[in-house]
Amino acid sequence: MKQSNKLLKGDFYSGKSGHETFTAVLDPNAKLPDANALTAMKPGQKRLDFKFPNIFEGGAISPTDPKYQGKVVVVQILGSWCPNCMDETNFLAPWYEQNKQRGVEIIGLGYERSPDQKKAAARLHKMRERFNIKYDLAVAGVANKDSAAKSLPQLAQVLAFPTTIFLDKKGEVRKIHTGFSGPGTGKYYRQEIAEFNQTVDQLLKE
């Protein structure tokens, strides 16, 4: 990494093969982008249309299933390899147990490094056991942002894992949140949780 007073150049590595170079310029007025405005539906699209295999053999999950009708549904785009996804799941798993009786469901869409469905399902099973996940998990594709976007063609793009999508009781997408600020971020984590609860509370009232 090379650094000057106003310029920073470096390399970003992710996993065994992910690598990107970057150049940053000092900006005293810089602000993080709005996490609720980074990912959007394509023009004219209001609903997610997918059907992915459940991590349990023989089943499939779709937002149009009777289980989700008339309920607020949170769709979590995740991967078992993703630290921020683990932070979000560590919040969502107990939250779901405490709130499911209010008329809310969660669907976890797993994007794993292996294209083999059985291997991917096995990794998601381990994650399920580790975090005591009781909401539904599906094998949705491989761990790649472009692949995730193609598997959910109603979305304009997928920029990060996790991405959290809120559906209202009619099944329409009302909000898309990119990323997750984990407990290590302090006040930003508290803000993240407060905003999540506020969004769900509002959708449940409608």
C-alpha atoms as a PDB file:
ATOM      1  CA  MET A   1       0.000   0.000   0.000  1.00  0.00           C
ATOM      2  CA  LYS A   2       1.404   3.379  -1.031  1.00  0.00           C
ATOM      3  CA  GLN A   3       0.259   6.537   0.698  1.00  0.00           C
ATOM      4  CA  SER A   4       0.777  10.267   0.286  1.00  0.00           C
ATOM      5  CA  ASN A   5      -0.934  13.186   1.995  1.00  0.00           C
ATOM      6  CA  LYS A   6      -3.885  13.138  -0.403  1.00  0.00           C
ATOM      7  CA  LEU A   7      -3.612   9.878  -2.334  1.00  0.00           C
ATOM      8  CA  LEU A   8      -3.866   6.242  -1.228  1.00  0.00           C
ATOM      9  CA  LYS A   9      -3.241   3.260  -3.489  1.00  0.00           C
ATOM     10  CA  GLY A  10      -3.594  -0.344  -2.442  1.00  0.00           C
ATOM     11  CA  ASP A  11      -4.912  -3.847  -2.949  1.00  0.00           C
ATOM     12  CA  PHE A  12      -8.032  -5.477  -1.571  1.00  0.00           C
ATOM     13  CA  TYR A  13      -8.016  -9.247  -1.125  1.00  0.00           C
ATOM     14  CA  SER A  14     -11.060 -11.410  -0.414  1.00  0.00           C
ATOM     15  CA  GLY A  15     -10.877 -15.154   0.195  1.00  0.00           C
ATOM     16  CA  LYS A  16      -8.394 -17.225  -1.794  1.00  0.00           C
ATOM     17  CA  SER A  17      -8.794 -15.587  -5.171  1.00  0.00           C
ATOM     18  CA  GLY A  18     -10.630 -12.260  -4.835  1.00  0.00           C
ATOM     19  CA  HIS A  19      -8.389  -9.296  -5.630  1.00  0.00           C
ATOM     20  CA  GLU A  20      -9.014  -5.690  -6.624  1.00  0.00           C
ATOM     21  CA  THR A  21      -6.757  -2.646  -6.744  1.00  0.00           C
ATOM     22  CA  PHE A  22      -7.953   0.736  -5.564  1.00  0.00           C
ATOM     23  CA  THR A  23      -6.990   4.387  -5.584  1.00  0.00           C
ATOM     24  CA  ALA A  24      -8.454   6.755  -3.015  1.00  0.00           C
ATOM     25  CA  VAL A  25      -8.309  10.529  -2.857  1.00  0.00           C
ATOM     26  CA  LEU A  26      -8.608  12.413   0.425  1.00  0.00           C
ATOM     27  CA  ASP A  27     -11.967  14.156   0.780  1.00  0.00           C
ATOM     28  CA  PRO A  28     -12.680  15.770   4.170  1.00  0.00           C
ATOM     29  CA  ASN A  29     -16.387  15.941   3.268  1.00  0.00           C
ATOM     30  CA  ALA A  30     -16.707  12.291   2.257  1.00  0.00           C
ATOM     31  CA  LYS A  31     -19.721  10.361   3.514  1.00  0.00           C
ATOM     32  CA  LEU A  32     -20.749   6.747   3.166  1.00  0.00           C
ATOM     33  CA  PRO A  33     -23.483   6.206   0.553  1.00  0.00           C
ATOM     34  CA  ASP A  34     -27.024   5.542   1.713  1.00  0.00           C
ATOM     35  CA  ALA A  35     -27.259   1.766   2.212  1.00  0.00           C
ATOM     36  CA  ASN A  36     -30.966   1.949   1.346  1.00  0.00           C
ATOM     37  CA  ALA A  37     -30.343   3.540  -2.061  1.00  0.00           C
ATOM     38  CA  LEU A  38     -27.556   1.386  -3.514  1.00  0.00           C
ATOM     39  CA  THR A  39     -29.660  -1.554  -4.723  1.00  0.00           C
ATOM     40  CA  ALA A  40     -33.026  -1.160  -6.441  1.00  0.00           C
ATOM     41  CA  MET A  41     -35.632  -2.991  -8.469  1.00  0.00           C
ATOM     42  CA  LYS A  42     -35.567  -2.628 -12.231  1.00  0.00           C
ATOM     43  CA  PRO A  43     -38.074  -0.105 -13.635  1.00  0.00           C
ATOM     44  CA  GLY A  44     -41.588  -1.506 -13.579  1.00  0.00           C
ATOM     45  CA  GLN A  45     -40.731  -4.352 -11.192  1.00  0.00           C
ATOM     46  CA  LYS A  46     -42.391  -4.565  -7.778  1.00  0.00           C
ATOM     47  CA  ARG A  47     -42.039  -8.219  -6.755  1.00  0.00           C
ATOM     48  CA  LEU A  48     -39.354 -10.859  -6.498  1.00  0.00           C
ATOM     49  CA  ASP A  49     -40.033 -13.955  -8.571  1.00  0.00           C
ATOM     50  CA  PHE A  50     -37.859 -16.910  -7.618  1.00  0.00           C
ATOM     51  CA  LYS A  51     -38.027 -20.578  -6.740  1.00  0.00           C
ATOM     52  CA  PHE A  52     -34.881 -22.076  -5.244  1.00  0.00           C
ATOM     53  CA  PRO A  53     -34.240 -25.516  -3.755  1.00  0.00           C
ATOM     54  CA  ASN A  54     -34.556 -25.768   0.004  1.00  0.00           C
ATOM     55  CA  ILE A  55     -31.432 -26.899   1.857  1.00  0.00           C
ATOM     56  CA  PHE A  56     -33.509 -29.967   2.754  1.00  0.00           C
ATOM     57  CA  GLU A  57     -33.760 -32.377  -0.168  1.00  0.00           C
ATOM     58  CA  GLY A  58     -36.916 -32.354  -2.218  1.00  0.00           C
ATOM     59  CA  GLY A  59     -38.303 -28.968  -1.253  1.00  0.00           C
ATOM     60  CA  ALA A  60     -38.309 -25.536  -2.864  1.00  0.00           C
ATOM     61  CA  ILE A  61     -38.871 -22.000  -1.625  1.00  0.00           C
ATOM     62  CA  SER A  62     -40.715 -19.181  -3.374  1.00  0.00           C
ATOM     63  CA  PRO A  63     -42.127 -15.920  -1.977  1.00  0.00           C
ATOM     64  CA  THR A  64     -45.463 -16.939  -3.492  1.00  0.00           C
ATOM     65  CA  ASP A  65     -45.727 -20.022  -1.252  1.00  0.00           C
ATOM     66  CA  PRO A  66     -48.841 -20.043   0.973  1.00  0.00           C
ATOM     67  CA  LYS A  67     -46.638 -19.812   4.081  1.00  0.00           C
ATOM     68  CA  TYR A  68     -45.676 -16.237   3.215  1.00  0.00           C
ATOM     69  CA  GLN A  69     -49.031 -14.922   2.014  1.00  0.00           C
ATOM     70  CA  GLY A  70     -50.318 -11.927   3.966  1.00  0.00           C
ATOM     71  CA  LYS A  71     -47.085 -11.652   5.938  1.00  0.00           C
ATOM     72  CA  VAL A  72     -44.150  -9.285   5.985  1.00  0.00           C
ATOM     73  CA  VAL A  73     -41.200 -11.182   4.492  1.00  0.00           C
ATOM     74  CA  VAL A  74     -37.519 -10.367   4.892  1.00  0.00           C
ATOM     75  CA  VAL A  75     -35.295 -11.865   2.175  1.00  0.00           C
ATOM     76  CA  GLN A  76     -31.664 -12.220   3.223  1.00  0.00           C
ATOM     77  CA  ILE A  77     -29.042 -12.622   0.478  1.00  0.00           C
ATOM     78  CA  LEU A  78     -26.162 -14.357   2.243  1.00  0.00           C
ATOM     79  CA  GLY A  79     -23.274 -16.790   2.130  1.00  0.00           C
ATOM     80  CA  SER A  80     -21.834 -19.047   4.818  1.00  0.00           C
ATOM     81  CA  TRP A  81     -18.372 -17.718   3.873  1.00  0.00           C
ATOM     82  CA  CYS A  82     -19.329 -14.074   4.516  1.00  0.00           C
ATOM     83  CA  PRO A  83     -18.403 -12.515   7.929  1.00  0.00           C
ATOM     84  CA  ASN A  84     -20.965  -9.712   7.635  1.00  0.00           C
ATOM     85  CA  CYS A  85     -23.625 -12.297   6.762  1.00  0.00           C
ATOM     86  CA  MET A  86     -22.719 -14.126   9.962  1.00  0.00           C
ATOM     87  CA  ASP A  87     -23.143 -10.908  11.933  1.00  0.00           C
ATOM     88  CA  GLU A  88     -26.545 -10.330  10.352  1.00  0.00           C
ATOM     89  CA  THR A  89     -27.592 -13.948  10.882  1.00  0.00           C
ATOM     90  CA  ASN A  90     -26.499 -13.772  14.513  1.00  0.00           C
ATOM     91  CA  PHE A  91     -29.024 -10.963  14.865  1.00  0.00           C
ATOM     92  CA  LEU A  92     -31.765 -12.378  12.629  1.00  0.00           C
ATOM     93  CA  ALA A  93     -31.919 -15.915  14.057  1.00  0.00           C
ATOM     94  CA  PRO A  94     -32.979 -14.934  17.603  1.00  0.00           C
ATOM     95  CA  TRP A  95     -34.971 -11.961  16.281  1.00  0.00           C
ATOM     96  CA  TYR A  96     -37.071 -14.321  14.162  1.00  0.00           C
ATOM     97  CA  GLU A  97     -37.865 -16.571  17.114  1.00  0.00           C
ATOM     98  CA  GLN A  98     -38.983 -13.527  19.122  1.00  0.00           C
ATOM     99  CA  ASN A  99     -41.063 -11.962  16.342  1.00  0.00           C
ATOM    100  CA  LYS A 100     -42.408 -14.655  13.986  1.00  0.00           C
ATOM    101  CA  GLN A 101     -45.728 -14.755  15.832  1.00  0.00           C
ATOM    102  CA  ARG A 102     -46.300 -11.148  14.746  1.00  0.00           C
ATOM    103  CA  GLY A 103     -46.776 -12.219  11.114  1.00  0.00           C
ATOM    104  CA  VAL A 104     -43.244 -11.949   9.747  1.00  0.00           C
ATOM    105  CA  GLU A 105     -41.108 -14.517   7.919  1.00  0.00           C
ATOM    106  CA  ILE A 106     -37.495 -14.625   6.769  1.00  0.00           C
ATOM    107  CA  ILE A 107     -36.123 -16.371   3.689  1.00  0.00           C
ATOM    108  CA  GLY A 108     -32.367 -16.847   3.507  1.00  0.00           C
ATOM    109  CA  LEU A 109     -30.981 -17.170  -0.024  1.00  0.00           C
ATOM    110  CA  GLY A 110     -27.562 -18.792   0.150  1.00  0.00           C
ATOM    111  CA  TYR A 111     -24.880 -18.111  -2.466  1.00  0.00           C
ATOM    112  CA  GLU A 112     -22.033 -20.528  -1.879  1.00  0.00           C
ATOM    113  CA  ARG A 113     -18.556 -20.968  -3.339  1.00  0.00           C
ATOM    114  CA  SER A 114     -19.281 -24.464  -4.609  1.00  0.00           C
ATOM    115  CA  PRO A 115     -21.564 -24.782  -7.658  1.00  0.00           C
ATOM    116  CA  ASP A 116     -22.472 -28.266  -6.427  1.00  0.00           C
ATOM    117  CA  GLN A 117     -25.917 -28.013  -4.849  1.00  0.00           C
ATOM    118  CA  LYS A 118     -25.304 -30.755  -2.279  1.00  0.00           C
ATOM    119  CA  LYS A 119     -22.024 -29.200  -1.114  1.00  0.00           C
ATOM    120  CA  ALA A 120     -23.636 -25.768  -0.953  1.00  0.00           C
ATOM    121  CA  ALA A 121     -26.584 -27.142   1.015  1.00  0.00           C
ATOM    122  CA  ALA A 122     -24.205 -28.874   3.440  1.00  0.00           C
ATOM    123  CA  ARG A 123     -22.411 -25.601   4.153  1.00  0.00           C
ATOM    124  CA  LEU A 124     -25.699 -23.830   4.737  1.00  0.00           C
ATOM    125  CA  HIS A 125     -26.759 -26.683   7.042  1.00  0.00           C
ATOM    126  CA  LYS A 126     -23.625 -26.056   9.131  1.00  0.00           C
ATOM    127  CA  MET A 127     -24.424 -22.359   9.277  1.00  0.00           C
ATOM    128  CA  ARG A 128     -27.996 -23.202  10.291  1.00  0.00           C
ATOM    129  CA  GLU A 129     -26.742 -25.349  13.165  1.00  0.00           C
ATOM    130  CA  ARG A 130     -24.119 -22.839  14.258  1.00  0.00           C
ATOM    131  CA  PHE A 131     -26.558 -19.938  14.546  1.00  0.00           C
ATOM    132  CA  ASN A 132     -29.670 -21.981  15.401  1.00  0.00           C
ATOM    133  CA  ILE A 133     -31.496 -20.654  12.335  1.00  0.00           C
ATOM    134  CA  LYS A 134     -35.176 -21.581  12.305  1.00  0.00           C
ATOM    135  CA  TYR A 135     -36.217 -19.578   9.255  1.00  0.00           C
ATOM    136  CA  ASP A 136     -36.140 -21.021   5.729  1.00  0.00           C
ATOM    137  CA  LEU A 137     -32.862 -21.360   3.814  1.00  0.00           C
ATOM    138  CA  ALA A 138     -32.444 -22.059   0.102  1.00  0.00           C
ATOM    139  CA  VAL A 139     -29.515 -22.726  -2.217  1.00  0.00           C
ATOM    140  CA  ALA A 140     -29.760 -19.826  -4.659  1.00  0.00           C
ATOM    141  CA  GLY A 141     -26.468 -19.874  -6.585  1.00  0.00           C
ATOM    142  CA  VAL A 142     -22.730 -19.320  -6.447  1.00  0.00           C
ATOM    143  CA  ALA A 143     -20.946 -16.679  -4.382  1.00  0.00           C
ATOM    144  CA  ASN A 144     -20.730 -13.957  -6.965  1.00  0.00           C
ATOM    145  CA  LYS A 145     -22.525 -10.610  -7.100  1.00  0.00           C
ATOM    146  CA  ASP A 146     -23.219 -10.886 -10.829  1.00  0.00           C
ATOM    147  CA  SER A 147     -24.525 -14.424 -10.389  1.00  0.00           C
ATOM    148  CA  ALA A 148     -26.791 -13.274  -7.584  1.00  0.00           C
ATOM    149  CA  ALA A 149     -28.169 -10.473  -9.740  1.00  0.00           C
ATOM    150  CA  LYS A 150     -28.880 -12.902 -12.620  1.00  0.00           C
ATOM    151  CA  SER A 151     -30.704 -15.290 -10.293  1.00  0.00           C
ATOM    152  CA  LEU A 152     -32.921 -12.410  -9.138  1.00  0.00           C
ATOM    153  CA  PRO A 153     -33.545 -10.635 -12.458  1.00  0.00           C
ATOM    154  CA  GLN A 154     -36.010  -8.178 -10.976  1.00  0.00           C
ATOM    155  CA  LEU A 155     -33.095  -6.492  -9.175  1.00  0.00           C
ATOM    156  CA  ALA A 156     -31.025  -3.906 -11.029  1.00  0.00           C
ATOM    157  CA  GLN A 157     -27.879  -5.226  -9.326  1.00  0.00           C
ATOM    158  CA  VAL A 158     -26.470  -6.914  -6.234  1.00  0.00           C
ATOM    159  CA  LEU A 159     -23.545  -4.981  -4.790  1.00  0.00           C
ATOM    160  CA  ALA A 160     -22.793  -6.792  -1.544  1.00  0.00           C
ATOM    161  CA  PHE A 161     -23.362  -9.758   0.712  1.00  0.00           C
ATOM    162  CA  PRO A 162     -25.526  -9.514   2.698  1.00  0.00           C
ATOM    163  CA  THR A 163     -28.323  -7.630   1.009  1.00  0.00           C
ATOM    164  CA  THR A 164     -31.661  -7.485   2.827  1.00  0.00           C
ATOM    165  CA  ILE A 165     -34.966  -7.074   0.985  1.00  0.00           C
ATOM    166  CA  PHE A 166     -38.225  -6.198   2.744  1.00  0.00           C
ATOM    167  CA  LEU A 167     -41.527  -7.358   1.250  1.00  0.00           C
ATOM    168  CA  ASP A 168     -44.866  -6.011   2.444  1.00  0.00           C
ATOM    169  CA  LYS A 169     -47.976  -8.103   3.111  1.00  0.00           C
ATOM    170  CA  LYS A 170     -48.901  -7.897  -0.572  1.00  0.00           C
ATOM    171  CA  GLY A 171     -45.544  -9.358  -1.592  1.00  0.00           C
ATOM    172  CA  GLU A 172     -44.210  -6.094  -3.003  1.00  0.00           C
ATOM    173  CA  VAL A 173     -40.628  -4.969  -2.422  1.00  0.00           C
ATOM    174  CA  ARG A 174     -40.651  -1.911  -0.206  1.00  0.00           C
ATOM    175  CA  LYS A 175     -37.029  -1.525   0.782  1.00  0.00           C
ATOM    176  CA  ILE A 176     -33.597  -2.939  -0.090  1.00  0.00           C
ATOM    177  CA  HIS A 177     -30.690  -2.544   2.317  1.00  0.00           C
ATOM    178  CA  THR A 178     -27.140  -3.219   1.116  1.00  0.00           C
ATOM    179  CA  GLY A 179     -24.595  -4.591   3.611  1.00  0.00           C
ATOM    180  CA  PHE A 180     -24.758  -4.920   7.366  1.00  0.00           C
ATOM    181  CA  SER A 181     -22.953  -3.004  10.106  1.00  0.00           C
ATOM    182  CA  GLY A 182     -22.003  -5.629  12.679  1.00  0.00           C
ATOM    183  CA  PRO A 183     -21.623  -5.223  16.454  1.00  0.00           C
ATOM    184  CA  GLY A 184     -17.994  -4.188  16.041  1.00  0.00           C
ATOM    185  CA  THR A 185     -19.182  -0.900  14.521  1.00  0.00           C
ATOM    186  CA  GLY A 186     -20.746   0.247  17.807  1.00  0.00           C
ATOM    187  CA  LYS A 187     -23.326   2.965  17.284  1.00  0.00           C
ATOM    188  CA  TYR A 188     -23.747   2.034  13.621  1.00  0.00           C
ATOM    189  CA  TYR A 189     -24.790  -1.471  14.643  1.00  0.00           C
ATOM    190  CA  ARG A 190     -27.337  -0.028  17.057  1.00  0.00           C
ATOM    191  CA  GLN A 191     -28.620   2.235  14.304  1.00  0.00           C
ATOM    192  CA  GLU A 192     -28.818  -0.745  11.934  1.00  0.00           C
ATOM    193  CA  ILE A 193     -30.935  -2.748  14.377  1.00  0.00           C
ATOM    194  CA  ALA A 194     -33.167   0.204  15.189  1.00  0.00           C
ATOM    195  CA  GLU A 195     -33.791   0.876  11.493  1.00  0.00           C
ATOM    196  CA  PHE A 196     -34.518  -2.806  10.812  1.00  0.00           C
ATOM    197  CA  ASN A 197     -37.115  -2.912  13.587  1.00  0.00           C
ATOM    198  CA  GLN A 198     -38.629   0.372  12.467  1.00  0.00           C
ATOM    199  CA  THR A 199     -39.034  -0.926   8.911  1.00  0.00           C
ATOM    200  CA  VAL A 200     -40.655  -4.192   9.987  1.00  0.00           C
ATOM    201  CA  ASP A 201     -42.910  -2.436  12.513  1.00  0.00           C
ATOM    202  CA  GLN A 202     -44.160  -0.039   9.840  1.00  0.00           C
ATOM    203  CA  LEU A 203     -44.873  -2.825   7.354  1.00  0.00           C
ATOM    204  CA  LEU A 204     -46.724  -4.856   9.985  1.00  0.00           C
ATOM    205  CA  LYS A 205     -48.968  -1.879  10.755  1.00  0.00           C
ATOM    206  CA  GLU A 206     -50.095  -1.552   7.139  1.00  0.00           C
END
